[in-house]
């Protein structure tokens, strides 16, 4: 997946996580690279769903 800059409509925060980049988008939503206070990276897709990487 290529890493792209956030676009103006992308959220800057997702709950306790701050978004760093837009990784991609498709029929199931947008995938963002996001980080929490502990520095953990997450890929978040759709509406608030995510998996820890």
Protein backbone atom coordinates (compact mmCIF):
# COMPACT_ATOMS: atom_id res chain seq x y z
CA UNK A 1 0.00 0.00 0.00
CA UNK A 2 1.28 3.43 -0.81
CA UNK A 3 1.21 6.14 1.82
CA UNK A 4 -0.51 9.39 0.84
CA UNK A 5 -1.02 12.71 2.54
CA UNK A 6 -4.29 13.32 4.30
CA UNK A 7 -6.91 15.21 2.33
CA UNK A 8 -8.98 18.07 3.84
CA UNK A 9 -11.99 15.82 4.57
CA UNK A 10 -9.93 13.16 6.43
CA UNK A 11 -10.25 13.20 10.22
CA UNK A 12 -7.21 14.43 12.12
CA UNK A 13 -8.12 12.27 15.12
CA UNK A 14 -9.93 8.94 15.45
CA UNK A 15 -10.81 8.61 19.11
CA UNK A 16 -7.53 8.51 21.03
CA UNK A 17 -5.47 8.18 17.84
CA UNK A 18 -4.06 10.87 15.53
CA UNK A 19 -4.03 10.16 11.82
CA UNK A 20 -0.72 10.34 10.00
CA UNK A 21 -1.59 9.31 6.45
CA UNK A 22 -4.25 7.96 4.12
CA UNK A 23 -3.20 4.48 3.01
CA UNK A 24 -6.02 3.89 0.55
CA UNK A 25 -9.74 3.80 -0.08
CA UNK A 26 -12.28 1.54 -1.70
CA UNK A 27 -15.73 0.06 -1.44
CA UNK A 28 -15.43 -0.64 2.31
CA UNK A 29 -14.11 2.76 3.34
CA UNK A 30 -10.85 4.61 3.84
CA UNK A 31 -7.76 3.15 5.52
CA UNK A 32 -5.67 5.53 7.64
CA UNK A 33 -2.35 5.12 9.37
CA UNK A 34 -2.85 6.32 12.94
CA UNK A 35 -0.89 6.41 16.19
CA UNK A 36 -1.78 6.41 19.87
CA UNK A 37 0.07 7.72 22.92
CA UNK A 38 2.17 4.53 23.12
CA UNK A 39 3.28 4.99 19.51
CA UNK A 40 1.39 1.94 18.24
CA UNK A 41 0.50 2.00 14.55
CA UNK A 42 -3.02 1.13 13.49
CA UNK A 43 -4.72 0.72 10.13
CA UNK A 44 -8.26 1.99 10.50
CA UNK A 45 -10.91 1.27 7.90
CA UNK A 46 -14.48 2.37 7.52
CA UNK A 47 -16.26 3.96 10.46
CA UNK A 48 -14.01 3.55 13.49
CA UNK A 49 -13.12 -0.10 12.98
CA UNK A 50 -9.49 -1.07 13.18
CA UNK A 51 -6.93 -3.74 13.82
CA UNK A 52 -3.64 -3.42 15.61
CA UNK A 53 -0.62 -4.15 13.42
